[in-house]
Amino acid sequence: MLRHRTLVISGKKTSIALERVFWDAIDRISNGNWRRWVLNAIEDKRENVGRATHLRSVILDAAMRGVLVYEASVVSGDNCAA
């Protein structure tokens, strides 16, 4: 389920919709200042890429580089079928 957050970009109010897990990740790596983090992150966005898509790729990149690490996973190896 998507969650929407509103912020002002270039003087215009806009909404960004992301899955909860992405907002949780943004909250974590932004130390609670998600608006500033999002504004900084989308400065590098290519014109043909949507804001939400760009933010998901930034979060994925942070996770792959080890910047974003969760203590527990929702799905553990013990629960997966072989």
C-alpha atoms as a PDB file:
ATOM      1  CA  MET A   1       0.000   0.000   0.000  1.00  0.00           C
ATOM      2  CA  LEU A   2       1.318   3.417  -0.925  1.00  0.00           C
ATOM      3  CA  ARG A   3       1.685   6.211   1.588  1.00  0.00           C
ATOM      4  CA  HIS A   4       1.673   9.824   0.516  1.00  0.00           C
ATOM      5  CA  ARG A   5       3.740  12.649   1.968  1.00  0.00           C
ATOM      6  CA  THR A   6       3.451  16.261   0.925  1.00  0.00           C
ATOM      7  CA  LEU A   7       6.219  18.804   0.497  1.00  0.00           C
ATOM      8  CA  VAL A   8       6.954  21.978  -1.414  1.00  0.00           C
ATOM      9  CA  ILE A   9       9.235  21.752  -4.449  1.00  0.00           C
ATOM     10  CA  SER A  10      10.121  24.944  -6.319  1.00  0.00           C
ATOM     11  CA  GLY A  11       7.300  26.770  -4.557  1.00  0.00           C
ATOM     12  CA  LYS A  12       4.674  24.193  -5.508  1.00  0.00           C
ATOM     13  CA  LYS A  13       2.983  21.773  -3.131  1.00  0.00           C
ATOM     14  CA  THR A  14       3.367  18.190  -4.325  1.00  0.00           C
ATOM     15  CA  SER A  15       2.788  14.702  -3.010  1.00  0.00           C
ATOM     16  CA  ILE A  16       5.089  11.702  -3.286  1.00  0.00           C
ATOM     17  CA  ALA A  17       3.675   8.196  -2.915  1.00  0.00           C
ATOM     18  CA  LEU A  18       5.945   5.374  -1.746  1.00  0.00           C
ATOM     19  CA  GLU A  19       5.512   2.044  -0.020  1.00  0.00           C
ATOM     20  CA  ARG A  20       5.848   2.142   3.778  1.00  0.00           C
ATOM     21  CA  VAL A  21       9.190   0.324   3.719  1.00  0.00           C
ATOM     22  CA  PHE A  22      10.707   3.114   1.600  1.00  0.00           C
ATOM     23  CA  TRP A  23       9.365   5.870   3.868  1.00  0.00           C
ATOM     24  CA  ASP A  24      10.717   3.943   6.871  1.00  0.00           C
ATOM     25  CA  ALA A  25      14.119   3.767   5.191  1.00  0.00           C
ATOM     26  CA  ILE A  26      14.053   7.480   4.355  1.00  0.00           C
ATOM     27  CA  ASP A  27      13.099   8.324   7.953  1.00  0.00           C
ATOM     28  CA  ARG A  28      15.989   6.219   9.178  1.00  0.00           C
ATOM     29  CA  ILE A  29      18.733   7.600   6.960  1.00  0.00           C
ATOM     30  CA  SER A  30      17.467  11.183   7.164  1.00  0.00           C
ATOM     31  CA  ASN A  31      17.482  11.211  10.976  1.00  0.00           C
ATOM     32  CA  GLY A  32      13.855  12.334  10.914  1.00  0.00           C
ATOM     33  CA  ASN A  33      14.357  15.245   8.501  1.00  0.00           C
ATOM     34  CA  TRP A  34      12.776  13.503   5.532  1.00  0.00           C
ATOM     35  CA  ARG A  35      11.760  16.671   3.668  1.00  0.00           C
ATOM     36  CA  ARG A  36      15.324  17.972   3.449  1.00  0.00           C
ATOM     37  CA  TRP A  37      16.626  14.505   2.533  1.00  0.00           C
ATOM     38  CA  VAL A  38      14.038  14.056  -0.236  1.00  0.00           C
ATOM     39  CA  LEU A  39      14.697  17.533  -1.657  1.00  0.00           C
ATOM     40  CA  ASN A  40      18.442  16.815  -1.743  1.00  0.00           C
ATOM     41  CA  ALA A  41      17.909  13.365  -3.255  1.00  0.00           C
ATOM     42  CA  ILE A  42      15.717  14.564  -6.112  1.00  0.00           C
ATOM     43  CA  GLU A  43      18.170  17.305  -7.121  1.00  0.00           C
ATOM     44  CA  ASP A  44      20.097  14.610  -9.037  1.00  0.00           C
ATOM     45  CA  LYS A  45      16.985  13.092 -10.633  1.00  0.00           C
ATOM     46  CA  ARG A  46      17.002  12.638 -14.382  1.00  0.00           C
ATOM     47  CA  GLU A  47      14.188  14.435 -16.181  1.00  0.00           C
ATOM     48  CA  ASN A  48      12.632  11.260 -17.596  1.00  0.00           C
ATOM     49  CA  VAL A  49      12.432   9.501 -14.204  1.00  0.00           C
ATOM     50  CA  GLY A  50       9.598  10.043 -11.745  1.00  0.00           C
ATOM     51  CA  ARG A  51      10.335  11.266  -8.230  1.00  0.00           C
ATOM     52  CA  ALA A  52       9.083   8.115  -6.503  1.00  0.00           C
ATOM     53  CA  THR A  53      11.057   5.866  -8.843  1.00  0.00           C
ATOM     54  CA  HIS A  54      14.197   7.931  -8.276  1.00  0.00           C
ATOM     55  CA  LEU A  55      13.785   7.797  -4.483  1.00  0.00           C
ATOM     56  CA  ARG A  56      13.329   4.020  -4.581  1.00  0.00           C
ATOM     57  CA  SER A  57      16.572   3.665  -6.548  1.00  0.00           C
ATOM     58  CA  VAL A  58      18.441   5.923  -4.096  1.00  0.00           C
ATOM     59  CA  ILE A  59      17.210   3.818  -1.163  1.00  0.00           C
ATOM     60  CA  LEU A  60      18.105   0.572  -2.943  1.00  0.00           C
ATOM     61  CA  ASP A  61      21.585   1.927  -3.679  1.00  0.00           C
ATOM     62  CA  ALA A  62      22.029   2.923  -0.010  1.00  0.00           C
ATOM     63  CA  ALA A  63      20.972  -0.554   1.105  1.00  0.00           C
ATOM     64  CA  MET A  64      23.351  -2.231  -1.343  1.00  0.00           C
ATOM     65  CA  ARG A  65      26.263  -0.067  -0.159  1.00  0.00           C
ATOM     66  CA  GLY A  66      25.498  -0.930   3.480  1.00  0.00           C
ATOM     67  CA  VAL A  67      24.422   2.600   4.411  1.00  0.00           C
ATOM     68  CA  LEU A  68      20.981   1.282   5.257  1.00  0.00           C
ATOM     69  CA  VAL A  69      20.989  -1.859   7.389  1.00  0.00           C
ATOM     70  CA  TYR A  70      18.012  -3.391   9.168  1.00  0.00           C
ATOM     71  CA  GLU A  71      18.465  -5.534  12.269  1.00  0.00           C
ATOM     72  CA  ALA A  72      15.679  -7.968  11.377  1.00  0.00           C
ATOM     73  CA  SER A  73      14.159  -9.100   8.134  1.00  0.00           C
ATOM     74  CA  VAL A  74      10.473  -9.666   7.580  1.00  0.00           C
ATOM     75  CA  VAL A  75      11.277 -12.929   5.812  1.00  0.00           C
ATOM     76  CA  SER A  76      13.983 -15.081   7.315  1.00  0.00           C
ATOM     77  CA  GLY A  77      15.726 -18.008   5.685  1.00  0.00           C
ATOM     78  CA  ASP A  78      13.977 -20.354   8.100  1.00  0.00           C
ATOM     79  CA  ASN A  79      10.566 -19.389   6.690  1.00  0.00           C
ATOM     80  CA  CYS A  80      11.438 -19.791   3.026  1.00  0.00           C
ATOM     81  CA  ALA A  81      10.508 -22.921   1.114  1.00  0.00           C
ATOM     82  CA  ALA A  82      13.388 -24.784  -0.508  1.00  0.00           C
END
